[in-house]
Amino acid sequence: MTPQQLTATVEYSRHLAGNFLSLALRLDQKVEYEAGQYLSLQVNPEGERRSYSLASWPSQPKLELVVDTTPMGKGSKFILGLKPGDEVPILFPLGRFTIEQTVGTVIDRRLIFIATGSGIVPLRSMIHSLLEDKQYRGPVDLHWGMRFQDDLFWVQEFENLATSFSNFKFDISLSKADDRWHACWGHVNDCLVKHYQTFSGGSAFICGNEVVIADVAKLLAKKGMPPSQIFHEQFF
């Protein structure tokens, strides 16, 4: 799929949790893309761009982005200033971090999705596409590491998916949990060790900062997953 220069219309901007917001964009034409891809958004008249993974998946009628506005850079400020009806130039679709790397030839392999922070965004796209659009039958596991409970979003959505699809399960770990938290404490690596004796026979999709990706990849390889089955997207 060749990237196209397009104009998207803002449908809505909504607060999710903490400094995370959801931005929905509408296109006047249907553009084919794969779950896990991203778009490049022009954020000023000078033509500067910022890249954002898609939280939506191909069967959805809109493109959804989730933006962590904490850095308050040019991209964050531009997005915070958008309102419904605004038109924004985008370059789309982009990226090779997609489930098609594995799915298509394999129908029952265990797929393990591992995210930190906003790295959850493309993984949400992949998981919905797998379960709802592709009717994937193999085990689909999600492990999401965050710092604080108040920054979590989509928890009820993942619970609903786990109820609807018996092959899906998810786990959240908090590195700075308080007394309200009764699930996994620590970094996502710590919780992975608790859940798996081996990672052989599976494939992993990892998204987060480069340090976490490197640590998780080492753990997966050490416990039996071939490097050829470890796919990742880095957020800096």
Protein backbone atom coordinates (compact mmCIF):
# COMPACT_ATOMS: atom_id res chain seq x y z
CA MET A 1 0.00 0.00 0.00
CA THR A 2 1.53 3.25 -1.18
CA PRO A 3 1.32 6.20 1.26
CA GLN A 4 -0.98 8.97 0.06
CA GLN A 5 -1.11 12.70 0.75
CA LEU A 6 -4.64 13.19 2.09
CA THR A 7 -6.77 15.71 3.92
CA ALA A 8 -8.58 14.43 7.02
CA THR A 9 -11.39 16.13 8.94
CA VAL A 10 -11.42 16.17 12.74
CA GLU A 11 -14.48 14.34 14.04
CA TYR A 12 -13.80 14.72 17.76
CA SER A 13 -11.12 15.08 20.42
CA ARG A 14 -11.74 13.39 23.78
CA HIS A 15 -9.84 13.08 27.03
CA LEU A 16 -9.01 9.46 27.92
CA ALA A 17 -7.01 9.59 31.17
CA GLY A 18 -4.07 11.51 32.55
CA ASN A 19 -2.51 13.40 29.65
CA PHE A 20 -3.85 11.03 27.00
CA LEU A 21 -6.46 12.13 24.49
CA SER A 22 -8.23 10.42 21.61
CA LEU A 23 -8.43 12.16 18.23
CA ALA A 24 -10.82 10.85 15.57
CA LEU A 25 -10.25 11.73 11.91
CA ARG A 26 -12.57 11.17 8.96
CA LEU A 27 -11.55 10.64 5.34
CA ASP A 28 -13.80 11.25 2.34
CA GLN A 29 -12.40 8.14 0.65
CA LYS A 30 -11.68 4.57 1.68
CA VAL A 31 -7.97 3.90 2.17
CA GLU A 32 -6.72 0.36 2.71
CA TYR A 33 -4.29 -0.15 5.57
CA GLU A 34 -3.12 -2.82 7.99
CA ALA A 35 -3.56 -2.93 11.75
CA GLY A 36 -0.42 -1.61 13.40
CA GLN A 37 0.39 1.08 10.85
CA TYR A 38 0.68 4.81 11.50
CA LEU A 39 0.15 8.17 9.83
CA SER A 40 2.22 11.32 9.58
CA LEU A 41 0.42 14.51 10.55
CA GLN A 42 1.46 17.97 9.39
CA VAL A 43 1.53 20.10 12.54
CA ASN A 44 2.34 23.60 11.24
CA PRO A 45 2.28 25.68 8.04
CA GLU A 46 6.04 25.15 7.63
CA GLY A 47 5.35 21.49 6.87
CA GLU A 48 6.78 19.90 10.02
CA ARG A 49 5.33 16.47 10.75
CA ARG A 50 4.78 14.11 13.65
CA SER A 51 3.97 10.40 13.43
CA TYR A 52 1.11 8.76 15.35
CA SER A 53 0.13 5.10 15.49
CA LEU A 54 -3.46 4.22 14.68
CA ALA A 55 -5.62 3.01 17.54
CA SER A 56 -8.38 2.11 15.08
CA TRP A 57 -8.37 -0.96 12.87
CA PRO A 58 -9.19 -1.40 9.16
CA SER A 59 -12.87 -2.26 9.53
CA GLN A 60 -13.55 0.96 11.47
CA PRO A 61 -15.14 3.94 9.67
CA LYS A 62 -12.74 6.50 11.18
CA LEU A 63 -9.04 6.84 11.96
CA GLU A 64 -8.38 7.12 15.68
CA LEU A 65 -5.15 8.39 17.23
CA VAL A 66 -4.19 8.45 20.89
CA VAL A 67 -1.77 11.18 21.85
CA ASP A 68 0.25 11.56 25.04
CA THR A 69 0.40 15.34 25.35
CA THR A 70 2.93 15.28 28.21
CA PRO A 71 5.89 16.49 26.10
CA MET A 72 3.90 19.60 25.03
CA GLY A 73 5.95 19.84 21.86
CA LYS A 74 4.76 21.14 18.50
CA GLY A 75 2.68 18.02 17.82
CA SER A 76 0.96 18.03 21.22
CA LYS A 77 0.13 21.73 21.04
CA PHE A 78 -1.21 21.43 17.51
CA ILE A 79 -3.48 18.51 18.40
CA LEU A 80 -4.73 20.20 21.58
CA GLY A 81 -5.79 23.17 19.46
CA LEU A 82 -7.86 21.11 17.00
CA LYS A 83 -11.65 21.22 17.03
CA PRO A 84 -14.36 19.28 15.15
CA GLY A 85 -14.50 20.24 11.48
CA ASP A 86 -10.84 21.27 11.21
CA GLU A 87 -8.99 19.83 8.24
CA VAL A 88 -5.49 18.41 8.65
CA PRO A 89 -2.99 17.15 6.04
CA ILE A 90 -1.81 13.58 6.59
CA LEU A 91 0.47 11.07 4.91
CA PHE A 92 -1.05 7.60 5.21
CA PRO A 93 -0.61 4.62 5.55
CA LEU A 94 2.93 4.14 6.83
CA GLY A 95 4.86 1.42 8.69
CA ARG A 96 5.66 -2.28 8.60
CA PHE A 97 4.81 -3.15 12.21
CA THR A 98 1.76 -5.26 11.33
CA ILE A 99 0.21 -8.57 12.27
CA GLU A 100 0.44 -9.69 8.65
CA GLN A 101 4.09 -10.54 9.37
CA THR A 102 2.85 -13.63 11.21
CA VAL A 103 -0.87 -14.10 10.72
CA GLY A 104 -1.99 -15.41 7.36
CA THR A 105 0.12 -18.53 7.36
CA VAL A 106 -0.44 -19.44 11.01
CA ILE A 107 -3.88 -19.72 12.56
CA ASP A 108 -3.22 -21.02 16.08
CA ARG A 109 0.20 -19.74 17.19
CA ARG A 110 0.27 -17.97 20.57
CA LEU A 111 0.56 -14.23 19.92
CA ILE A 112 1.92 -12.17 22.80
CA PHE A 113 1.48 -8.39 22.72
CA ILE A 114 3.65 -6.38 25.10
CA ALA A 115 3.37 -2.61 25.55
CA THR A 116 4.52 0.16 27.81
CA GLY A 117 2.75 3.51 28.03
CA SER A 118 1.28 4.71 24.75
CA GLY A 119 2.84 1.68 23.05
CA ILE A 120 -0.56 0.10 23.67
CA VAL A 121 -2.01 2.09 20.76
CA PRO A 122 -0.98 -0.02 17.71
CA LEU A 123 -1.41 -3.21 19.73
CA ARG A 124 -5.05 -2.36 20.39
CA SER A 125 -5.50 -2.01 16.63
CA MET A 126 -3.87 -5.39 15.99
CA ILE A 127 -5.83 -7.23 18.68
CA HIS A 128 -9.23 -5.97 17.55
CA SER A 129 -8.39 -6.81 13.94
CA LEU A 130 -7.25 -10.31 14.89
CA LEU A 131 -10.23 -11.18 17.04
CA GLU A 132 -13.07 -9.38 15.29
CA ASP A 133 -12.06 -9.22 11.65
CA LYS A 134 -9.82 -12.24 11.17
CA GLN A 135 -11.48 -14.55 13.73
CA TYR A 136 -8.05 -15.65 14.90
CA ARG A 137 -8.32 -18.88 16.90
CA GLY A 138 -4.96 -19.08 18.66
CA PRO A 139 -4.19 -17.65 22.10
CA VAL A 140 -3.87 -13.85 22.11
CA ASP A 141 -2.21 -12.41 25.23
CA LEU A 142 -1.75 -8.73 26.07
CA HIS A 143 0.64 -7.39 28.72
CA TRP A 144 0.62 -3.64 29.32
CA GLY A 145 2.98 -1.80 31.63
CA MET A 146 2.12 1.66 32.98
CA ARG A 147 3.30 3.76 35.89
CA PHE A 148 0.11 5.01 37.53
CA GLN A 149 -3.41 3.62 37.77
CA ASP A 150 -4.93 7.02 37.00
CA ASP A 151 -3.26 6.95 33.55
CA LEU A 152 -5.02 3.75 32.46
CA PHE A 153 -7.64 3.70 29.72
CA TRP A 154 -9.41 1.02 27.64
CA VAL A 155 -9.47 -1.33 30.64
CA GLN A 156 -13.22 -1.96 30.37
CA GLU A 157 -12.82 -2.44 26.62
CA PHE A 158 -10.20 -5.15 27.13
CA GLU A 159 -12.38 -6.78 29.77
CA ASN A 160 -15.25 -6.88 27.29
CA LEU A 161 -12.98 -8.46 24.67
CA ALA A 162 -11.87 -11.11 27.15
CA THR A 163 -15.53 -11.90 27.84
CA SER A 164 -16.40 -12.11 24.15
CA PHE A 165 -13.32 -14.05 23.02
CA SER A 166 -12.17 -16.94 25.17
CA ASN A 167 -8.76 -17.00 23.46
CA PHE A 168 -7.93 -13.44 24.61
CA LYS A 169 -6.53 -12.51 28.00
CA PHE A 170 -4.80 -9.39 29.26
CA ASP A 171 -2.70 -8.30 32.19
CA ILE A 172 -1.71 -4.84 33.39
CA SER A 173 1.35 -4.13 35.51
CA LEU A 174 1.98 -0.84 37.33
CA SER A 175 5.47 0.26 38.32
CA LYS A 176 4.20 2.96 40.69
CA ALA A 177 1.03 1.40 42.04
CA ASP A 178 -0.70 2.52 45.22
CA ASP A 179 -2.83 0.59 47.70
CA ARG A 180 -5.84 0.62 45.33
CA TRP A 181 -4.02 -1.69 42.90
CA HIS A 182 -4.50 -5.43 43.38
CA ALA A 183 -3.01 -6.78 40.13
CA CYS A 184 0.62 -7.05 39.03
CA TRP A 185 3.16 -4.68 40.57
CA GLY A 186 6.46 -3.79 38.92
CA HIS A 187 7.68 -3.52 35.35
CA VAL A 188 6.13 -5.49 32.53
CA ASN A 189 9.20 -7.79 32.47
CA ASP A 190 8.57 -8.80 36.06
CA CYS A 191 5.03 -9.84 35.27
CA LEU A 192 6.01 -11.74 32.12
CA VAL A 193 8.32 -13.94 34.19
CA LYS A 194 5.40 -14.78 36.48
CA HIS A 195 3.07 -15.75 33.62
CA TYR A 196 5.29 -17.90 31.37
CA GLN A 197 7.70 -20.76 31.86
CA THR A 198 8.65 -20.65 28.19
CA PHE A 199 7.96 -18.52 25.13
CA SER A 200 8.73 -21.23 22.57
CA GLY A 201 6.13 -21.72 19.86
CA GLY A 202 4.88 -18.15 20.00
CA SER A 203 5.34 -14.77 18.37
CA ALA A 204 5.63 -11.41 20.12
CA PHE A 205 4.79 -7.85 19.17
CA ILE A 206 6.43 -5.25 21.43
CA CYS A 207 5.84 -1.51 21.48
CA GLY A 208 7.34 1.04 23.84
CA ASN A 209 10.61 2.79 24.55
CA GLU A 210 13.82 1.27 23.23
CA VAL A 211 15.15 0.19 26.65
CA VAL A 212 12.02 -1.81 27.42
CA ILE A 213 11.99 -3.35 23.96
CA ALA A 214 15.60 -4.50 24.33
CA ASP A 215 14.97 -5.97 27.79
CA VAL A 216 11.79 -7.76 26.76
CA ALA A 217 13.38 -9.15 23.59
CA LYS A 218 16.26 -10.58 25.64
CA LEU A 219 13.82 -12.20 28.05
CA LEU A 220 11.75 -13.73 25.25
CA ALA A 221 14.84 -15.13 23.50
CA LYS A 222 16.25 -16.47 26.76
CA LYS A 223 13.02 -18.36 27.38
CA GLY A 224 12.77 -19.96 23.96
CA MET A 225 11.30 -17.53 21.42
CA PRO A 226 13.26 -17.35 18.14
CA PRO A 227 14.42 -13.79 17.34
CA SER A 228 12.67 -14.12 13.96
CA GLN A 229 9.34 -14.20 15.84
CA ILE A 230 9.96 -11.01 17.85
CA PHE A 231 8.57 -7.88 16.16
CA HIS A 232 8.81 -4.41 17.60
CA GLU A 233 8.05 -0.73 17.19
CA GLN A 234 10.08 1.81 19.15
CA PHE A 235 8.77 4.96 20.83
CA PHE A 236 11.44 7.42 21.96
